[in-house]
Amino acid sequence: MTHIPRGAAASSPWAVEITPESAGWAYAGLRVVDLSGGSVEFTTGEEEMLVLPLSGPCEVECDGVRLSLAGRTSVFDTVTDFAYLPIRTSVRITGRGRFALPAARATRRFPVRYGPAREVPVEVRGAGQASRQVNNFCAPDAFDCDKLVAVEVLTPGGNWSSYPPHKHDTASPHEAVLEEIYYFEGGPGYQRVYGTHDTLTEVSGGDVVLVPHGYHGPSMAAPGYDLYYLNVLAGPAPTRSMAFRDDPQHAWIRSSWAGQAIDSRVSRRVADARAGSLGGTS
């Protein structure tokens, strides 16, 4: 199943539980938990994970380390701090809000770490109606771990992201093999996946789209409705990469951005984030 509607991947205590086994692949996973002041306890097993607040603050206890995450009001409010969890450890998260745990099957063990919001690289990608904000909190050149890659994308209402459509399913000097999860908040919007299988589906908060292979994009935010998605990626290569190949039919779109203005809704938010006013506390 490529599109997993809200609630279809729930398994107590998780509002979303995607494992490599349930997805039918080898590496990428995601869990989402809603807490009302209580705790969730679990072991990471062979997966390295992050604790990423979608809303609200939390305390993370792992390997004898206690981390306080300031979090944020919502994914549309600010960039957030986060925590890294190594393989083969026990974890307790206590908080009030919604928390995502991007994950990847890994072999190397890194220490528990805190990721400050102020250190998250934030960029504008695209232009015109393809303008969007990308929070590269766990991109390969922003945060060090074994297999996991994760970024956030915020698309203003009426805009397209994950565009031009692209893929990463063939190993080459210019393309990495990656499994990819899209987890959505906000919306409604639409997500397209095609090439080896075809999906065009409406998405909104709590929905998941899996991309095992093939081209994916665009992600389309309906006019009047901002769309957020968390991308979780992982693959077999020894070096983490987000290398991709555009659909040749649409690759020319990138060159068209040079003559277009950036959507002011995006440029203002990204400028604020870079200046630190959206960086949260750490």
C-alpha atoms as a PDB file:
ATOM      1  CA  MET A   1       0.000   0.000   0.000  1.00  0.00           C
ATOM      2  CA  THR A   2       1.550   3.316  -1.068  1.00  0.00           C
ATOM      3  CA  HIS A   3      -0.953   5.634   0.664  1.00  0.00           C
ATOM      4  CA  ILE A   4      -1.654   4.866   4.333  1.00  0.00           C
ATOM      5  CA  PRO A   5      -4.544   7.018   5.613  1.00  0.00           C
ATOM      6  CA  ARG A   6      -4.553   8.496   9.105  1.00  0.00           C
ATOM      7  CA  GLY A   7      -5.103   5.729  11.663  1.00  0.00           C
ATOM      8  CA  ALA A   8      -4.427   2.833   9.296  1.00  0.00           C
ATOM      9  CA  ALA A   9      -0.869   2.371  10.634  1.00  0.00           C
ATOM     10  CA  ALA A  10      -1.775   2.848  14.310  1.00  0.00           C
ATOM     11  CA  SER A  11      -0.590   0.247  16.826  1.00  0.00           C
ATOM     12  CA  SER A  12      -0.769   1.175  20.520  1.00  0.00           C
ATOM     13  CA  PRO A  13       0.940   3.222  21.823  1.00  0.00           C
ATOM     14  CA  TRP A  14       1.811   4.602  18.385  1.00  0.00           C
ATOM     15  CA  ALA A  15      -0.538   6.760  16.291  1.00  0.00           C
ATOM     16  CA  VAL A  16       1.691   5.761  13.355  1.00  0.00           C
ATOM     17  CA  GLU A  17       4.004   2.757  13.287  1.00  0.00           C
ATOM     18  CA  ILE A  18       5.899   2.081  10.063  1.00  0.00           C
ATOM     19  CA  THR A  19       8.691  -0.490  10.335  1.00  0.00           C
ATOM     20  CA  PRO A  20      10.876  -1.878   7.553  1.00  0.00           C
ATOM     21  CA  GLU A  21       8.868  -5.109   7.834  1.00  0.00           C
ATOM     22  CA  SER A  22       5.450  -3.442   7.573  1.00  0.00           C
ATOM     23  CA  ALA A  23       6.630  -1.282   4.661  1.00  0.00           C
ATOM     24  CA  GLY A  24       8.056  -4.285   2.833  1.00  0.00           C
ATOM     25  CA  TRP A  25      11.567  -2.898   2.545  1.00  0.00           C
ATOM     26  CA  ALA A  26      14.859  -2.968   4.481  1.00  0.00           C
ATOM     27  CA  TYR A  27      15.755   0.326   6.169  1.00  0.00           C
ATOM     28  CA  ALA A  28      13.346   3.243   6.754  1.00  0.00           C
ATOM     29  CA  GLY A  29      10.798   3.532   9.553  1.00  0.00           C
ATOM     30  CA  LEU A  30       8.637   6.054  11.384  1.00  0.00           C
ATOM     31  CA  ARG A  31       6.634   6.215  14.583  1.00  0.00           C
ATOM     32  CA  VAL A  32       4.396   9.011  15.844  1.00  0.00           C
ATOM     33  CA  VAL A  33       3.083   9.212  19.404  1.00  0.00           C
ATOM     34  CA  ASP A  34       0.552  11.516  21.102  1.00  0.00           C
ATOM     35  CA  LEU A  35       1.221  12.161  24.786  1.00  0.00           C
ATOM     36  CA  SER A  36      -0.977  13.961  27.322  1.00  0.00           C
ATOM     37  CA  GLY A  37       1.565  14.385  30.075  1.00  0.00           C
ATOM     38  CA  GLY A  38       2.377  10.688  30.311  1.00  0.00           C
ATOM     39  CA  SER A  39       5.270   8.592  29.024  1.00  0.00           C
ATOM     40  CA  VAL A  40       6.066   6.025  26.370  1.00  0.00           C
ATOM     41  CA  GLU A  41       8.858   3.492  26.889  1.00  0.00           C
ATOM     42  CA  PHE A  42      10.461   1.356  24.185  1.00  0.00           C
ATOM     43  CA  THR A  43      13.741  -0.087  22.911  1.00  0.00           C
ATOM     44  CA  THR A  44      15.342   0.994  19.664  1.00  0.00           C
ATOM     45  CA  GLY A  45      16.546  -2.473  18.657  1.00  0.00           C
ATOM     46  CA  GLU A  46      18.510  -2.295  15.415  1.00  0.00           C
ATOM     47  CA  GLU A  47      17.113   1.127  14.474  1.00  0.00           C
ATOM     48  CA  GLU A  48      18.710   4.507  15.100  1.00  0.00           C
ATOM     49  CA  MET A  49      15.998   7.109  15.749  1.00  0.00           C
ATOM     50  CA  LEU A  50      15.304  10.769  16.318  1.00  0.00           C
ATOM     51  CA  VAL A  51      12.769  12.350  18.660  1.00  0.00           C
ATOM     52  CA  LEU A  52      11.262  15.251  16.701  1.00  0.00           C
ATOM     53  CA  PRO A  53       8.555  17.332  18.402  1.00  0.00           C
ATOM     54  CA  LEU A  54       5.686  18.095  16.027  1.00  0.00           C
ATOM     55  CA  SER A  55       3.912  19.962  18.823  1.00  0.00           C
ATOM     56  CA  GLY A  56       4.749  20.422  22.484  1.00  0.00           C
ATOM     57  CA  PRO A  57       7.823  19.858  24.666  1.00  0.00           C
ATOM     58  CA  CYS A  58       9.156  16.596  26.057  1.00  0.00           C
ATOM     59  CA  GLU A  59      11.844  14.970  28.196  1.00  0.00           C
ATOM     60  CA  VAL A  60      13.920  12.149  26.689  1.00  0.00           C
ATOM     61  CA  GLU A  61      15.759   9.628  28.868  1.00  0.00           C
ATOM     62  CA  CYS A  62      18.233   7.300  27.128  1.00  0.00           C
ATOM     63  CA  ASP A  63      21.581   5.663  28.035  1.00  0.00           C
ATOM     64  CA  GLY A  64      21.602   7.501  31.360  1.00  0.00           C
ATOM     65  CA  VAL A  65      21.214  10.868  29.597  1.00  0.00           C
ATOM     66  CA  ARG A  66      18.219  13.166  30.129  1.00  0.00           C
ATOM     67  CA  LEU A  67      17.447  15.730  27.409  1.00  0.00           C
ATOM     68  CA  SER A  68      14.815  18.473  27.522  1.00  0.00           C
ATOM     69  CA  LEU A  69      13.298  19.364  24.132  1.00  0.00           C
ATOM     70  CA  ALA A  70      11.601  22.771  23.956  1.00  0.00           C
ATOM     71  CA  GLY A  71       9.579  21.702  20.913  1.00  0.00           C
ATOM     72  CA  ARG A  72       7.121  24.058  19.221  1.00  0.00           C
ATOM     73  CA  THR A  73       3.440  24.907  19.104  1.00  0.00           C
ATOM     74  CA  SER A  74       2.987  23.257  15.710  1.00  0.00           C
ATOM     75  CA  VAL A  75       5.012  22.299  12.644  1.00  0.00           C
ATOM     76  CA  PHE A  76       3.944  25.609  11.046  1.00  0.00           C
ATOM     77  CA  ASP A  77       5.169  27.658  14.014  1.00  0.00           C
ATOM     78  CA  THR A  78       8.938  27.199  14.205  1.00  0.00           C
ATOM     79  CA  VAL A  79      11.998  25.048  13.682  1.00  0.00           C
ATOM     80  CA  THR A  80      12.420  22.617  16.570  1.00  0.00           C
ATOM     81  CA  ASP A  81      15.202  21.029  18.546  1.00  0.00           C
ATOM     82  CA  PHE A  82      15.441  17.221  18.508  1.00  0.00           C
ATOM     83  CA  ALA A  83      17.223  14.230  20.058  1.00  0.00           C
ATOM     84  CA  TYR A  84      19.207  11.372  18.519  1.00  0.00           C
ATOM     85  CA  LEU A  85      18.731   7.824  19.876  1.00  0.00           C
ATOM     86  CA  PRO A  86      21.280   5.080  19.134  1.00  0.00           C
ATOM     87  CA  ILE A  87      20.632   1.450  18.272  1.00  0.00           C
ATOM     88  CA  ARG A  88      20.157  -1.123  21.034  1.00  0.00           C
ATOM     89  CA  THR A  89      19.041   1.123  23.881  1.00  0.00           C
ATOM     90  CA  SER A  90      16.035   1.729  26.135  1.00  0.00           C
ATOM     91  CA  VAL A  91      14.157   5.034  25.917  1.00  0.00           C
ATOM     92  CA  ARG A  92      11.489   6.912  27.856  1.00  0.00           C
ATOM     93  CA  ILE A  93       9.763   9.990  26.414  1.00  0.00           C
ATOM     94  CA  THR A  94       7.568  12.100  28.715  1.00  0.00           C
ATOM     95  CA  GLY A  95       5.658  15.032  27.317  1.00  0.00           C
ATOM     96  CA  ARG A  96       2.501  16.735  26.218  1.00  0.00           C
ATOM     97  CA  GLY A  97       2.031  16.915  22.457  1.00  0.00           C
ATOM     98  CA  ARG A  98       2.784  14.959  19.298  1.00  0.00           C
ATOM     99  CA  PHE A  99       6.215  13.526  18.614  1.00  0.00           C
ATOM    100  CA  ALA A 100       7.655  11.874  15.497  1.00  0.00           C
ATOM    101  CA  LEU A 101      10.405   9.256  15.614  1.00  0.00           C
ATOM    102  CA  PRO A 102      12.068   8.909  12.199  1.00  0.00           C
ATOM    103  CA  ALA A 103      14.116   5.694  12.129  1.00  0.00           C
ATOM    104  CA  ALA A 104      16.525   3.649  10.036  1.00  0.00           C
ATOM    105  CA  ARG A 105      17.940   0.147  10.374  1.00  0.00           C
ATOM    106  CA  ALA A 106      21.616   0.748  11.257  1.00  0.00           C
ATOM    107  CA  THR A 107      24.796  -1.032  12.310  1.00  0.00           C
ATOM    108  CA  ARG A 108      27.019   1.685  13.813  1.00  0.00           C
ATOM    109  CA  ARG A 109      26.279   2.965  17.309  1.00  0.00           C
ATOM    110  CA  PHE A 110      26.481   6.724  17.894  1.00  0.00           C
ATOM    111  CA  PRO A 111      25.985   8.456  21.275  1.00  0.00           C
ATOM    112  CA  VAL A 112      22.758  10.070  22.441  1.00  0.00           C
ATOM    113  CA  ARG A 113      22.837  13.682  21.255  1.00  0.00           C
ATOM    114  CA  TYR A 114      20.863  16.910  21.392  1.00  0.00           C
ATOM    115  CA  GLY A 115      20.185  18.816  18.156  1.00  0.00           C
ATOM    116  CA  PRO A 116      19.662  22.541  18.879  1.00  0.00           C
ATOM    117  CA  ALA A 117      17.022  24.323  16.815  1.00  0.00           C
ATOM    118  CA  ARG A 118      19.405  27.201  16.143  1.00  0.00           C
ATOM    119  CA  GLU A 119      21.775  24.836  14.284  1.00  0.00           C
ATOM    120  CA  VAL A 120      19.148  23.463  11.871  1.00  0.00           C
ATOM    121  CA  PRO A 121      19.964  24.637   8.312  1.00  0.00           C
ATOM    122  CA  VAL A 122      16.888  26.225   6.728  1.00  0.00           C
ATOM    123  CA  GLU A 123      16.640  26.954   3.005  1.00  0.00           C
ATOM    124  CA  VAL A 124      14.324  28.200   0.298  1.00  0.00           C
ATOM    125  CA  ARG A 125      13.936  25.706  -2.506  1.00  0.00           C
ATOM    126  CA  GLY A 126      12.348  26.506  -5.859  1.00  0.00           C
ATOM    127  CA  ALA A 127      10.700  29.787  -6.874  1.00  0.00           C
ATOM    128  CA  GLY A 128       7.300  31.141  -7.861  1.00  0.00           C
ATOM    129  CA  GLN A 129       4.569  28.614  -7.100  1.00  0.00           C
ATOM    130  CA  ALA A 130       7.241  25.984  -6.477  1.00  0.00           C
ATOM    131  CA  SER A 131       8.675  27.971  -3.518  1.00  0.00           C
ATOM    132  CA  ARG A 132       8.923  26.004  -0.278  1.00  0.00           C
ATOM    133  CA  GLN A 133      10.837  25.947   3.008  1.00  0.00           C
ATOM    134  CA  VAL A 134      13.139  23.014   3.797  1.00  0.00           C
ATOM    135  CA  ASN A 135      14.418  22.336   7.327  1.00  0.00           C
ATOM    136  CA  ASN A 136      17.495  20.135   6.833  1.00  0.00           C
ATOM    137  CA  PHE A 137      17.782  19.009  10.456  1.00  0.00           C
ATOM    138  CA  CYS A 138      19.100  15.510   9.652  1.00  0.00           C
ATOM    139  CA  ALA A 139      20.452  15.967   6.131  1.00  0.00           C
ATOM    140  CA  PRO A 140      23.805  14.238   5.469  1.00  0.00           C
ATOM    141  CA  ASP A 141      25.829  17.456   5.752  1.00  0.00           C
ATOM    142  CA  ALA A 142      23.918  18.773   8.792  1.00  0.00           C
ATOM    143  CA  PHE A 143      23.872  15.902  11.313  1.00  0.00           C
ATOM    144  CA  ASP A 144      26.025  12.784  11.597  1.00  0.00           C
ATOM    145  CA  CYS A 145      24.573   9.306  12.031  1.00  0.00           C
ATOM    146  CA  ASP A 146      24.728   5.904  10.302  1.00  0.00           C
ATOM    147  CA  LYS A 147      21.852   5.494   7.811  1.00  0.00           C
ATOM    148  CA  LEU A 148      19.072   7.923   8.697  1.00  0.00           C
ATOM    149  CA  VAL A 149      18.244  11.017   6.653  1.00  0.00           C
ATOM    150  CA  ALA A 150      15.286  13.255   7.565  1.00  0.00           C
ATOM    151  CA  VAL A 151      14.110  16.724   6.506  1.00  0.00           C
ATOM    152  CA  GLU A 152      10.934  18.813   6.869  1.00  0.00           C
ATOM    153  CA  VAL A 153       9.226  20.642   4.002  1.00  0.00           C
ATOM    154  CA  LEU A 154       6.607  23.402   4.402  1.00  0.00           C
ATOM    155  CA  THR A 155       4.608  24.273   1.301  1.00  0.00           C
ATOM    156  CA  PRO A 156       2.306  27.344   1.331  1.00  0.00           C
ATOM    157  CA  GLY A 157      -1.256  26.940   0.087  1.00  0.00           C
ATOM    158  CA  GLY A 158      -1.415  26.799  -3.711  1.00  0.00           C
ATOM    159  CA  ASN A 159       2.258  25.873  -4.135  1.00  0.00           C
ATOM    160  CA  TRP A 160       3.964  22.677  -5.293  1.00  0.00           C
ATOM    161  CA  SER A 161       6.964  20.980  -3.689  1.00  0.00           C
ATOM    162  CA  SER A 162       8.868  17.758  -4.346  1.00  0.00           C
ATOM    163  CA  TYR A 163       8.998  19.267  -7.825  1.00  0.00           C
ATOM    164  CA  PRO A 164      10.178  18.563 -10.447  1.00  0.00           C
ATOM    165  CA  PRO A 165       9.390  14.876  -9.853  1.00  0.00           C
ATOM    166  CA  HIS A 166      12.469  12.815  -9.100  1.00  0.00           C
ATOM    167  CA  LYS A 167      13.584   9.352  -8.042  1.00  0.00           C
ATOM    168  CA  HIS A 168      16.361   7.648  -6.090  1.00  0.00           C
ATOM    169  CA  ASP A 169      16.169   3.925  -6.796  1.00  0.00           C
ATOM    170  CA  THR A 170      19.269   3.232  -8.938  1.00  0.00           C
ATOM    171  CA  ALA A 171      22.856   3.322  -7.682  1.00  0.00           C
ATOM    172  CA  SER A 172      25.039   5.624  -9.763  1.00  0.00           C
ATOM    173  CA  PRO A 173      27.513   8.470  -9.221  1.00  0.00           C
ATOM    174  CA  HIS A 174      24.537  10.865  -9.411  1.00  0.00           C
ATOM    175  CA  GLU A 175      21.754   8.875  -7.712  1.00  0.00           C
ATOM    176  CA  ALA A 176      21.449   7.058  -4.382  1.00  0.00           C
ATOM    177  CA  VAL A 177      19.153   4.123  -3.604  1.00  0.00           C
ATOM    178  CA  LEU A 178      16.756   5.321  -0.905  1.00  0.00           C
ATOM    179  CA  GLU A 179      13.480   4.192   0.612  1.00  0.00           C
ATOM    180  CA  GLU A 180      11.351   7.230   1.465  1.00  0.00           C
ATOM    181  CA  ILE A 181       8.453   7.998   3.790  1.00  0.00           C
ATOM    182  CA  TYR A 182       6.263  11.108   3.539  1.00  0.00           C
ATOM    183  CA  TYR A 183       4.371  11.958   6.755  1.00  0.00           C
ATOM    184  CA  PHE A 184       1.887  14.831   6.424  1.00  0.00           C
ATOM    185  CA  GLU A 185       0.416  17.513   8.669  1.00  0.00           C
ATOM    186  CA  GLY A 186      -1.939  20.290   7.624  1.00  0.00           C
ATOM    187  CA  GLY A 187      -3.518  20.141   4.204  1.00  0.00           C
ATOM    188  CA  PRO A 188      -5.486  18.952   2.424  1.00  0.00           C
ATOM    189  CA  GLY A 189      -3.101  18.460  -0.455  1.00  0.00           C
ATOM    190  CA  TYR A 190      -2.176  15.833  -3.023  1.00  0.00           C
ATOM    191  CA  GLN A 191       0.793  13.518  -3.542  1.00  0.00           C
ATOM    192  CA  ARG A 192       1.879  11.899  -6.805  1.00  0.00           C
ATOM    193  CA  VAL A 193       4.025   8.748  -7.182  1.00  0.00           C
ATOM    194  CA  TYR A 194       4.575   7.117 -10.580  1.00  0.00           C
ATOM    195  CA  GLY A 195       6.926   5.164 -12.808  1.00  0.00           C
ATOM    196  CA  THR A 196       6.821   1.653 -11.376  1.00  0.00           C
ATOM    197  CA  HIS A 197       3.414   2.117  -9.733  1.00  0.00           C
ATOM    198  CA  ASP A 198       0.924   4.980  -9.849  1.00  0.00           C
ATOM    199  CA  THR A 199      -0.581   6.934  -6.961  1.00  0.00           C
ATOM    200  CA  LEU A 200      -2.354  10.279  -6.951  1.00  0.00           C
ATOM    201  CA  THR A 201      -4.013  10.702  -3.587  1.00  0.00           C
ATOM    202  CA  GLU A 202      -5.413  13.373  -1.314  1.00  0.00           C
ATOM    203  CA  VAL A 203      -3.365  13.743   1.883  1.00  0.00           C
ATOM    204  CA  SER A 204      -3.836  15.594   5.150  1.00  0.00           C
ATOM    205  CA  GLY A 205      -2.685  15.453   8.776  1.00  0.00           C
ATOM    206  CA  GLY A 206      -1.627  11.979   9.907  1.00  0.00           C
ATOM    207  CA  ASP A 207      -1.461  10.455   6.412  1.00  0.00           C
ATOM    208  CA  VAL A 208       1.619   8.572   5.200  1.00  0.00           C
ATOM    209  CA  VAL A 209       2.845   7.882   1.673  1.00  0.00           C
ATOM    210  CA  LEU A 210       5.546   5.251   1.078  1.00  0.00           C
ATOM    211  CA  VAL A 211       7.948   5.527  -1.873  1.00  0.00           C
ATOM    212  CA  PRO A 212       9.921   2.288  -2.344  1.00  0.00           C
ATOM    213  CA  HIS A 213      10.925   3.229  -5.899  1.00  0.00           C
ATOM    214  CA  GLY A 214       9.830   5.286  -8.894  1.00  0.00           C
ATOM    215  CA  TYR A 215       9.317   9.003  -9.415  1.00  0.00           C
ATOM    216  CA  HIS A 216       7.594  11.023  -6.695  1.00  0.00           C
ATOM    217  CA  GLY A 217       6.214  14.520  -6.887  1.00  0.00           C
ATOM    218  CA  PRO A 218       4.693  16.892  -6.946  1.00  0.00           C
ATOM    219  CA  SER A 219       3.349  17.381  -3.448  1.00  0.00           C
ATOM    220  CA  MET A 220       0.557  19.905  -3.953  1.00  0.00           C
ATOM    221  CA  ALA A 221      -0.879  22.156  -1.237  1.00  0.00           C
ATOM    222  CA  ALA A 222      -4.491  23.090  -1.920  1.00  0.00           C
ATOM    223  CA  PRO A 223      -5.075  26.868  -2.127  1.00  0.00           C
ATOM    224  CA  GLY A 224      -5.732  28.210   1.365  1.00  0.00           C
ATOM    225  CA  TYR A 225      -4.141  25.223   3.111  1.00  0.00           C
ATOM    226  CA  ASP A 226      -0.463  25.015   4.026  1.00  0.00           C
ATOM    227  CA  LEU A 227       1.023  21.525   3.771  1.00  0.00           C
ATOM    228  CA  TYR A 228       3.809  20.027   5.899  1.00  0.00           C
ATOM    229  CA  TYR A 229       5.625  16.792   5.333  1.00  0.00           C
ATOM    230  CA  LEU A 230       8.399  14.978   7.124  1.00  0.00           C
ATOM    231  CA  ASN A 231      10.630  12.979   4.769  1.00  0.00           C
ATOM    232  CA  VAL A 232      12.399   9.935   6.217  1.00  0.00           C
ATOM    233  CA  LEU A 233      14.977   8.314   3.935  1.00  0.00           C
ATOM    234  CA  ALA A 234      17.440   5.439   4.288  1.00  0.00           C
ATOM    235  CA  GLY A 235      19.249   3.028   2.014  1.00  0.00           C
ATOM    236  CA  PRO A 236      22.098   0.537   1.661  1.00  0.00           C
ATOM    237  CA  ALA A 237      24.974   2.859   0.698  1.00  0.00           C
ATOM    238  CA  PRO A 238      27.797   3.149   3.272  1.00  0.00           C
ATOM    239  CA  THR A 239      27.760   6.943   2.907  1.00  0.00           C
ATOM    240  CA  ARG A 240      24.530   8.879   3.494  1.00  0.00           C
ATOM    241  CA  SER A 241      23.318  10.778   0.440  1.00  0.00           C
ATOM    242  CA  MET A 242      20.166  12.418  -0.913  1.00  0.00           C
ATOM    243  CA  ALA A 243      21.293  12.205  -4.551  1.00  0.00           C
ATOM    244  CA  PHE A 244      18.368  11.938  -6.979  1.00  0.00           C
ATOM    245  CA  ARG A 245      17.490  11.945 -10.674  1.00  0.00           C
ATOM    246  CA  ASP A 246      14.822  14.272 -12.052  1.00  0.00           C
ATOM    247  CA  ASP A 247      12.208  12.949 -14.439  1.00  0.00           C
ATOM    248  CA  PRO A 248      13.836  13.994 -17.750  1.00  0.00           C
ATOM    249  CA  GLN A 249      10.482  15.196 -19.051  1.00  0.00           C
ATOM    250  CA  HIS A 250      10.259  17.814 -16.300  1.00  0.00           C
ATOM    251  CA  ALA A 251      13.905  18.528 -15.436  1.00  0.00           C
ATOM    252  CA  TRP A 252      13.800  21.843 -17.348  1.00  0.00           C
ATOM    253  CA  ILE A 253      11.607  23.294 -14.600  1.00  0.00           C
ATOM    254  CA  ARG A 254      14.662  23.969 -12.436  1.00  0.00           C
ATOM    255  CA  SER A 255      16.150  26.373 -14.979  1.00  0.00           C
ATOM    256  CA  SER A 256      12.869  28.330 -15.085  1.00  0.00           C
ATOM    257  CA  TRP A 257      13.251  29.359 -11.431  1.00  0.00           C
ATOM    258  CA  ALA A 258      16.047  31.798 -12.295  1.00  0.00           C
ATOM    259  CA  GLY A 259      13.506  34.212 -13.763  1.00  0.00           C
ATOM    260  CA  GLN A 260      10.890  33.902 -11.008  1.00  0.00           C
ATOM    261  CA  ALA A 261      10.524  35.648  -7.660  1.00  0.00           C
ATOM    262  CA  ILE A 262      10.469  33.585  -4.494  1.00  0.00           C
ATOM    263  CA  ASP A 263       7.054  33.407  -2.837  1.00  0.00           C
ATOM    264  CA  SER A 264       7.193  36.067  -0.100  1.00  0.00           C
ATOM    265  CA  ARG A 265       5.442  33.750   2.367  1.00  0.00           C
ATOM    266  CA  VAL A 266       8.450  31.439   2.144  1.00  0.00           C
ATOM    267  CA  SER A 267      11.204  34.047   1.979  1.00  0.00           C
ATOM    268  CA  ARG A 268       9.922  35.831   5.092  1.00  0.00           C
ATOM    269  CA  ARG A 269       9.755  32.642   7.149  1.00  0.00           C
ATOM    270  CA  VAL A 270      13.163  31.433   6.039  1.00  0.00           C
ATOM    271  CA  ALA A 271      14.750  34.817   6.718  1.00  0.00           C
ATOM    272  CA  ASP A 272      13.298  34.758  10.227  1.00  0.00           C
ATOM    273  CA  ALA A 273      14.526  31.205  10.787  1.00  0.00           C
ATOM    274  CA  ARG A 274      18.042  32.072   9.656  1.00  0.00           C
ATOM    275  CA  ALA A 275      18.051  35.101  11.933  1.00  0.00           C
ATOM    276  CA  GLY A 276      17.124  32.905  14.856  1.00  0.00           C
ATOM    277  CA  SER A 277      13.631  34.206  15.637  1.00  0.00           C
ATOM    278  CA  LEU A 278      12.187  30.824  14.602  1.00  0.00           C
ATOM    279  CA  GLY A 279      15.021  28.872  16.115  1.00  0.00           C
ATOM    280  CA  GLY A 280      13.449  28.112  19.464  1.00  0.00           C
ATOM    281  CA  THR A 281      15.516  27.832  22.647  1.00  0.00           C
ATOM    282  CA  SER A 282      18.312  25.452  23.404  1.00  0.00           C
END
